[in-house]
Amino acid sequence: MSKIKVFNGFTLVELLIAVAIVGILAAVAFPSYTDFVSRSNRTEAQRELLRIANMQEQFYVDTRAYTADMTKLGLGKDPFITENSYYSIDAELANGGFVLTATALEPQKSNDSSCQTLSVSETGKKLPASACWEK
């Protein structure tokens, strides 16, 4: 009696189909992932803008004036660089008030081209008021 040898494995066509499916999934998933990461990194700027705005208000209570110098608020340097170095935050004084502006640094600048700057004023007005400030 002769034995029949059976080979278990993949054919080249099956392997190419699997690679094509993985490629299609990666092409769809990667842009969504990068968008998610850039939006989550944007929350760092939002958090720090609101925190520094509170510091400005406390400085105003103490001195009856706002400051454009971030070091006077107790921050490390002027302009202030956020914890993960995604944003640089600086203050401008105008008409007795202030506007804090967070400007994206690399790699956030490249990944989040639609929201490269975020601002908040002493009245709490958030600019741009579009999707950059998620609710």
N, C-alpha and C. Protein backbone atom coordinates (compact mmCIF):
# COMPACT_ATOMS: atom_id res chain seq x y z
N MET A 1 0.84 -1.16 0.00
CA MET A 1 0.00 0.00 0.00
C MET A 1 0.89 1.24 0.00
N SER A 2 0.60 2.18 -0.85
CA SER A 2 1.40 3.40 -0.94
C SER A 2 0.79 4.51 -0.09
N LYS A 3 1.67 5.27 0.54
CA LYS A 3 1.21 6.38 1.37
C LYS A 3 1.14 7.65 0.52
N ILE A 4 0.08 8.40 0.71
CA ILE A 4 -0.08 9.68 0.02
C ILE A 4 0.39 10.77 0.97
N LYS A 5 1.31 11.57 0.49
CA LYS A 5 1.82 12.66 1.31
C LYS A 5 0.91 13.88 1.13
N VAL A 6 0.51 14.45 2.23
CA VAL A 6 -0.33 15.65 2.21
C VAL A 6 0.50 16.79 2.78
N PHE A 7 0.58 17.89 2.02
CA PHE A 7 1.32 19.06 2.46
C PHE A 7 0.33 20.11 2.95
N ASN A 8 0.50 20.52 4.18
CA ASN A 8 -0.35 21.58 4.73
C ASN A 8 0.42 22.90 4.64
N GLY A 9 -0.24 23.92 4.14
CA GLY A 9 0.40 25.22 4.01
C GLY A 9 -0.46 26.17 3.22
N PHE A 10 0.11 27.29 2.89
CA PHE A 10 -0.60 28.32 2.14
C PHE A 10 -0.08 28.36 0.72
N THR A 11 -0.97 28.67 -0.19
CA THR A 11 -0.52 28.89 -1.56
C THR A 11 -0.13 30.36 -1.68
N LEU A 12 0.56 30.68 -2.72
CA LEU A 12 0.99 32.05 -2.96
C LEU A 12 -0.22 32.97 -3.13
N VAL A 13 -1.25 32.51 -3.78
CA VAL A 13 -2.46 33.32 -3.99
C VAL A 13 -3.13 33.63 -2.65
N GLU A 14 -3.22 32.65 -1.77
CA GLU A 14 -3.82 32.89 -0.46
C GLU A 14 -3.00 33.91 0.34
N LEU A 15 -1.69 33.79 0.26
CA LEU A 15 -0.82 34.73 0.96
C LEU A 15 -0.98 36.14 0.41
N LEU A 16 -1.07 36.29 -0.90
CA LEU A 16 -1.24 37.62 -1.50
C LEU A 16 -2.59 38.23 -1.14
N ILE A 17 -3.63 37.40 -1.06
CA ILE A 17 -4.94 37.90 -0.65
C ILE A 17 -4.89 38.40 0.80
N ALA A 18 -4.23 37.66 1.66
CA ALA A 18 -4.11 38.08 3.07
C ALA A 18 -3.33 39.39 3.19
N VAL A 19 -2.26 39.53 2.43
CA VAL A 19 -1.46 40.76 2.45
C VAL A 19 -2.28 41.94 1.92
N ALA A 20 -3.06 41.70 0.88
CA ALA A 20 -3.91 42.77 0.33
C ALA A 20 -4.95 43.22 1.34
N ILE A 21 -5.56 42.30 2.06
CA ILE A 21 -6.57 42.65 3.07
C ILE A 21 -5.93 43.46 4.19
N VAL A 22 -4.76 43.05 4.65
CA VAL A 22 -4.07 43.79 5.71
C VAL A 22 -3.69 45.18 5.21
N GLY A 23 -3.26 45.29 3.97
CA GLY A 23 -2.91 46.59 3.39
C GLY A 23 -4.10 47.53 3.32
N ILE A 24 -5.25 47.01 2.91
CA ILE A 24 -6.46 47.83 2.83
C ILE A 24 -6.88 48.29 4.22
N LEU A 25 -6.86 47.39 5.19
CA LEU A 25 -7.22 47.76 6.57
C LEU A 25 -6.27 48.82 7.12
N ALA A 26 -4.98 48.69 6.85
CA ALA A 26 -4.01 49.67 7.32
C ALA A 26 -4.23 51.03 6.65
N ALA A 27 -4.56 51.03 5.36
CA ALA A 27 -4.79 52.29 4.64
C ALA A 27 -6.00 53.03 5.18
N VAL A 28 -6.98 52.32 5.70
CA VAL A 28 -8.17 52.94 6.27
C VAL A 28 -7.91 53.34 7.73
N ALA A 29 -7.24 52.50 8.49
CA ALA A 29 -7.07 52.71 9.92
C ALA A 29 -6.02 53.76 10.26
N PHE A 30 -4.94 53.85 9.52
CA PHE A 30 -3.84 54.75 9.89
C PHE A 30 -4.25 56.22 9.90
N PRO A 31 -4.94 56.73 8.86
CA PRO A 31 -5.36 58.15 8.93
C PRO A 31 -6.31 58.43 10.10
N SER A 32 -7.19 57.50 10.40
CA SER A 32 -8.08 57.68 11.55
C SER A 32 -7.30 57.72 12.85
N TYR A 33 -6.31 56.88 12.95
CA TYR A 33 -5.47 56.84 14.15
C TYR A 33 -4.69 58.16 14.29
N THR A 34 -4.09 58.66 13.21
CA THR A 34 -3.33 59.90 13.29
C THR A 34 -4.23 61.08 13.67
N ASP A 35 -5.45 61.08 13.14
CA ASP A 35 -6.40 62.13 13.48
C ASP A 35 -6.76 62.06 14.96
N PHE A 36 -6.99 60.88 15.46
CA PHE A 36 -7.31 60.70 16.88
C PHE A 36 -6.16 61.18 17.76
N VAL A 37 -4.93 60.82 17.41
CA VAL A 37 -3.77 61.22 18.21
C VAL A 37 -3.61 62.74 18.20
N SER A 38 -3.76 63.37 17.04
CA SER A 38 -3.60 64.83 16.99
C SER A 38 -4.69 65.54 17.77
N ARG A 39 -5.92 65.03 17.75
CA ARG A 39 -7.00 65.63 18.54
C ARG A 39 -6.75 65.44 20.03
N SER A 40 -6.23 64.29 20.41
CA SER A 40 -5.96 64.08 21.84
C SER A 40 -4.77 64.93 22.30
N ASN A 41 -3.79 65.15 21.43
CA ASN A 41 -2.67 66.04 21.78
C ASN A 41 -3.15 67.49 21.91
N ARG A 42 -4.18 67.85 21.16
CA ARG A 42 -4.73 69.21 21.21
C ARG A 42 -5.29 69.52 22.60
N THR A 43 -5.75 68.50 23.31
CA THR A 43 -6.30 68.73 24.65
C THR A 43 -5.24 69.25 25.61
N GLU A 44 -3.97 68.95 25.33
CA GLU A 44 -2.90 69.49 26.16
C GLU A 44 -2.90 71.02 26.09
N ALA A 45 -3.05 71.56 24.88
CA ALA A 45 -3.10 73.02 24.72
C ALA A 45 -4.33 73.60 25.38
N GLN A 46 -5.47 72.96 25.21
CA GLN A 46 -6.70 73.45 25.81
C GLN A 46 -6.59 73.49 27.33
N ARG A 47 -6.09 72.42 27.90
CA ARG A 47 -5.93 72.35 29.36
C ARG A 47 -5.00 73.43 29.87
N GLU A 48 -3.85 73.59 29.21
CA GLU A 48 -2.87 74.57 29.66
C GLU A 48 -3.35 76.00 29.45
N LEU A 49 -4.07 76.26 28.37
CA LEU A 49 -4.61 77.61 28.15
C LEU A 49 -5.55 78.00 29.28
N LEU A 50 -6.43 77.09 29.66
CA LEU A 50 -7.38 77.39 30.73
C LEU A 50 -6.68 77.51 32.09
N ARG A 51 -5.68 76.69 32.31
CA ARG A 51 -4.91 76.78 33.56
C ARG A 51 -4.16 78.10 33.66
N ILE A 52 -3.53 78.51 32.55
CA ILE A 52 -2.77 79.76 32.57
C ILE A 52 -3.71 80.96 32.63
N ALA A 53 -4.89 80.85 32.03
CA ALA A 53 -5.88 81.93 32.15
C ALA A 53 -6.28 82.11 33.62
N ASN A 54 -6.43 81.01 34.34
CA ASN A 54 -6.72 81.11 35.78
C ASN A 54 -5.55 81.76 36.53
N MET A 55 -4.34 81.45 36.12
CA MET A 55 -3.16 82.07 36.74
C MET A 55 -3.12 83.56 36.46
N GLN A 56 -3.52 83.94 35.24
CA GLN A 56 -3.59 85.37 34.90
C GLN A 56 -4.60 86.08 35.79
N GLU A 57 -5.75 85.46 36.02
CA GLU A 57 -6.77 86.07 36.87
C GLU A 57 -6.27 86.22 38.31
N GLN A 58 -5.55 85.22 38.80
CA GLN A 58 -4.99 85.32 40.15
C GLN A 58 -3.94 86.43 40.20
N PHE A 59 -3.13 86.55 39.15
CA PHE A 59 -2.13 87.62 39.08
C PHE A 59 -2.83 88.97 39.08
N TYR A 60 -3.96 89.07 38.37
CA TYR A 60 -4.72 90.32 38.32
C TYR A 60 -5.27 90.68 39.71
N VAL A 61 -5.75 89.69 40.44
CA VAL A 61 -6.26 89.93 41.79
C VAL A 61 -5.14 90.46 42.68
N ASP A 62 -3.94 89.92 42.51
CA ASP A 62 -2.81 90.32 43.35
C ASP A 62 -2.22 91.68 42.96
N THR A 63 -2.17 91.98 41.67
CA THR A 63 -1.44 93.18 41.21
C THR A 63 -2.31 94.21 40.49
N ARG A 64 -3.57 93.88 40.24
CA ARG A 64 -4.50 94.75 39.51
C ARG A 64 -4.05 94.99 38.06
N ALA A 65 -3.31 94.02 37.49
CA ALA A 65 -2.88 94.10 36.09
C ALA A 65 -2.58 92.68 35.60
N TYR A 66 -2.74 92.48 34.29
CA TYR A 66 -2.34 91.22 33.67
C TYR A 66 -0.89 91.33 33.25
N THR A 67 -0.27 90.22 32.91
CA THR A 67 1.12 90.23 32.47
C THR A 67 1.28 89.45 31.17
N ALA A 68 2.24 89.90 30.36
CA ALA A 68 2.58 89.18 29.14
C ALA A 68 3.78 88.27 29.39
N ASP A 69 4.40 88.39 30.56
CA ASP A 69 5.58 87.61 30.91
C ASP A 69 5.14 86.36 31.67
N MET A 70 5.28 85.20 31.04
CA MET A 70 4.83 83.95 31.65
C MET A 70 5.61 83.59 32.91
N THR A 71 6.86 84.06 33.03
CA THR A 71 7.65 83.75 34.22
C THR A 71 7.06 84.43 35.46
N LYS A 72 6.38 85.55 35.29
CA LYS A 72 5.74 86.23 36.43
C LYS A 72 4.54 85.44 36.95
N LEU A 73 4.06 84.52 36.13
CA LEU A 73 2.95 83.65 36.57
C LEU A 73 3.47 82.39 37.26
N GLY A 74 4.78 82.26 37.34
CA GLY A 74 5.37 81.09 37.98
C GLY A 74 5.70 79.98 37.00
N LEU A 75 5.64 80.26 35.70
CA LEU A 75 5.97 79.26 34.69
C LEU A 75 7.45 79.33 34.37
N GLY A 76 7.99 78.25 33.86
CA GLY A 76 9.43 78.12 33.65
C GLY A 76 10.06 79.14 32.73
N LYS A 77 9.42 79.43 31.60
CA LYS A 77 10.02 80.38 30.67
C LYS A 77 8.94 81.03 29.83
N ASP A 78 9.33 82.05 29.09
CA ASP A 78 8.41 82.81 28.25
C ASP A 78 8.92 82.76 26.82
N PRO A 79 8.19 82.20 25.87
CA PRO A 79 6.88 81.58 25.98
C PRO A 79 6.97 80.21 26.65
N PHE A 80 5.86 79.82 27.24
CA PHE A 80 5.77 78.56 27.96
C PHE A 80 5.61 77.40 26.98
N ILE A 81 6.40 76.35 27.16
CA ILE A 81 6.30 75.15 26.33
C ILE A 81 5.56 74.10 27.16
N THR A 82 4.52 73.51 26.59
CA THR A 82 3.70 72.53 27.33
C THR A 82 4.52 71.29 27.68
N GLU A 83 3.95 70.49 28.56
CA GLU A 83 4.64 69.32 29.13
C GLU A 83 5.23 68.38 28.08
N ASN A 84 4.47 68.06 27.05
CA ASN A 84 4.95 67.14 26.01
C ASN A 84 5.55 67.86 24.82
N SER A 85 5.76 69.15 24.93
CA SER A 85 6.37 69.99 23.87
C SER A 85 5.58 70.00 22.58
N TYR A 86 4.25 69.89 22.68
CA TYR A 86 3.42 69.98 21.49
C TYR A 86 3.03 71.42 21.18
N TYR A 87 3.02 72.30 22.19
CA TYR A 87 2.56 73.67 22.01
C TYR A 87 3.45 74.65 22.76
N SER A 88 3.51 75.86 22.19
CA SER A 88 4.16 77.00 22.83
C SER A 88 3.05 78.00 23.15
N ILE A 89 2.98 78.46 24.39
CA ILE A 89 1.90 79.35 24.82
C ILE A 89 2.49 80.69 25.23
N ASP A 90 1.90 81.77 24.69
CA ASP A 90 2.34 83.11 25.02
C ASP A 90 1.13 84.01 25.21
N ALA A 91 1.34 85.13 25.89
CA ALA A 91 0.25 86.05 26.20
C ALA A 91 0.48 87.38 25.49
N GLU A 92 -0.62 88.00 25.08
CA GLU A 92 -0.62 89.36 24.54
C GLU A 92 -1.58 90.18 25.36
N LEU A 93 -1.19 91.42 25.66
CA LEU A 93 -2.06 92.32 26.39
C LEU A 93 -2.68 93.31 25.41
N ALA A 94 -3.99 93.54 25.57
CA ALA A 94 -4.69 94.50 24.70
C ALA A 94 -5.95 94.99 25.41
N ASN A 95 -6.17 96.29 25.38
CA ASN A 95 -7.39 96.91 25.91
C ASN A 95 -7.68 96.49 27.35
N GLY A 96 -6.67 96.42 28.17
CA GLY A 96 -6.86 96.07 29.57
C GLY A 96 -7.07 94.59 29.82
N GLY A 97 -7.01 93.76 28.80
CA GLY A 97 -7.21 92.33 28.96
C GLY A 97 -6.03 91.55 28.40
N PHE A 98 -6.23 90.26 28.24
CA PHE A 98 -5.17 89.42 27.69
C PHE A 98 -5.76 88.41 26.71
N VAL A 99 -4.91 87.93 25.84
CA VAL A 99 -5.23 86.80 24.95
C VAL A 99 -4.07 85.84 25.04
N LEU A 100 -4.36 84.62 25.46
CA LEU A 100 -3.35 83.55 25.49
C LEU A 100 -3.46 82.76 24.20
N THR A 101 -2.34 82.52 23.56
CA THR A 101 -2.34 81.79 22.29
C THR A 101 -1.38 80.61 22.37
N ALA A 102 -1.90 79.44 22.05
CA ALA A 102 -1.09 78.22 21.97
C ALA A 102 -0.80 77.94 20.50
N THR A 103 0.46 77.86 20.16
CA THR A 103 0.89 77.60 18.78
C THR A 103 1.50 76.21 18.72
N ALA A 104 1.04 75.41 17.78
CA ALA A 104 1.51 74.03 17.65
C ALA A 104 2.98 74.00 17.24
N LEU A 105 3.72 73.08 17.85
CA LEU A 105 5.11 72.82 17.49
C LEU A 105 5.16 71.47 16.77
N GLU A 106 6.28 71.17 16.16
CA GLU A 106 6.42 69.87 15.50
C GLU A 106 6.46 68.76 16.55
N PRO A 107 5.90 67.61 16.34
CA PRO A 107 5.21 67.08 15.18
C PRO A 107 3.71 67.43 15.14
N GLN A 108 3.20 68.07 16.22
CA GLN A 108 1.78 68.40 16.25
C GLN A 108 1.40 69.35 15.12
N LYS A 109 2.29 70.25 14.76
CA LYS A 109 2.03 71.21 13.69
C LYS A 109 1.75 70.50 12.37
N SER A 110 2.48 69.47 12.08
CA SER A 110 2.29 68.72 10.83
C SER A 110 1.06 67.83 10.89
N ASN A 111 0.80 67.25 12.06
CA ASN A 111 -0.30 66.30 12.19
C ASN A 111 -1.66 66.96 12.33
N ASP A 112 -1.70 68.20 12.80
CA ASP A 112 -2.97 68.88 13.07
C ASP A 112 -3.01 70.22 12.33
N SER A 113 -2.99 70.16 11.01
CA SER A 113 -2.88 71.38 10.21
C SER A 113 -4.12 72.26 10.30
N SER A 114 -5.27 71.71 10.69
CA SER A 114 -6.48 72.53 10.74
C SER A 114 -6.56 73.39 12.00
N CYS A 115 -5.84 73.04 13.04
CA CYS A 115 -5.90 73.77 14.32
C CYS A 115 -4.49 74.05 14.83
N GLN A 116 -3.76 74.90 14.13
CA GLN A 116 -2.38 75.16 14.52
C GLN A 116 -2.27 76.16 15.66
N THR A 117 -3.31 76.98 15.86
CA THR A 117 -3.31 77.89 16.99
C THR A 117 -4.66 77.82 17.70
N LEU A 118 -4.60 77.91 19.01
CA LEU A 118 -5.79 77.98 19.87
C LEU A 118 -5.59 79.17 20.79
N SER A 119 -6.66 79.91 21.05
CA SER A 119 -6.56 81.09 21.91
C SER A 119 -7.72 81.14 22.88
N VAL A 120 -7.46 81.83 23.99
CA VAL A 120 -8.51 82.11 24.97
C VAL A 120 -8.24 83.52 25.52
N SER A 121 -9.32 84.27 25.75
CA SER A 121 -9.18 85.63 26.26
C SER A 121 -9.56 85.69 27.73
N GLU A 122 -9.44 86.88 28.31
CA GLU A 122 -9.78 87.04 29.73
C GLU A 122 -11.27 86.86 29.98
N THR A 123 -12.08 86.98 28.95
CA THR A 123 -13.52 86.76 29.11
C THR A 123 -13.90 85.29 28.95
N GLY A 124 -12.93 84.46 28.61
CA GLY A 124 -13.19 83.04 28.41
C GLY A 124 -13.56 82.69 26.98
N LYS A 125 -13.48 83.68 26.09
CA LYS A 125 -13.79 83.43 24.69
C LYS A 125 -12.70 82.56 24.08
N LYS A 126 -13.14 81.48 23.44
CA LYS A 126 -12.21 80.52 22.85
C LYS A 126 -12.18 80.70 21.34
N LEU A 127 -10.97 80.84 20.80
CA LEU A 127 -10.80 81.01 19.36
C LEU A 127 -9.82 79.97 18.84
N PRO A 128 -9.96 79.46 17.65
CA PRO A 128 -11.16 79.54 16.83
C PRO A 128 -12.28 78.72 17.47
N ALA A 129 -13.48 79.19 17.29
CA ALA A 129 -14.63 78.56 17.93
C ALA A 129 -15.14 77.34 17.16
N SER A 130 -14.38 76.89 16.19
CA SER A 130 -14.79 75.75 15.36
C SER A 130 -14.55 74.44 16.11
N ALA A 131 -14.30 73.40 15.40
CA ALA A 131 -14.10 72.07 15.98
C ALA A 131 -12.78 71.97 16.75
N CYS A 132 -11.96 73.01 16.72
CA CYS A 132 -10.70 72.95 17.46
C CYS A 132 -10.93 72.86 18.96
N TRP A 133 -12.00 73.47 19.45
CA TRP A 133 -12.36 73.37 20.86
C TRP A 133 -13.51 72.40 20.96
N GLU A 134 -13.21 71.14 21.20
CA GLU A 134 -14.25 70.12 21.28
C GLU A 134 -14.97 70.22 22.62
N LYS A 135 -16.24 69.89 22.58
CA LYS A 135 -17.06 70.01 23.79
C LYS A 135 -17.14 68.70 24.51
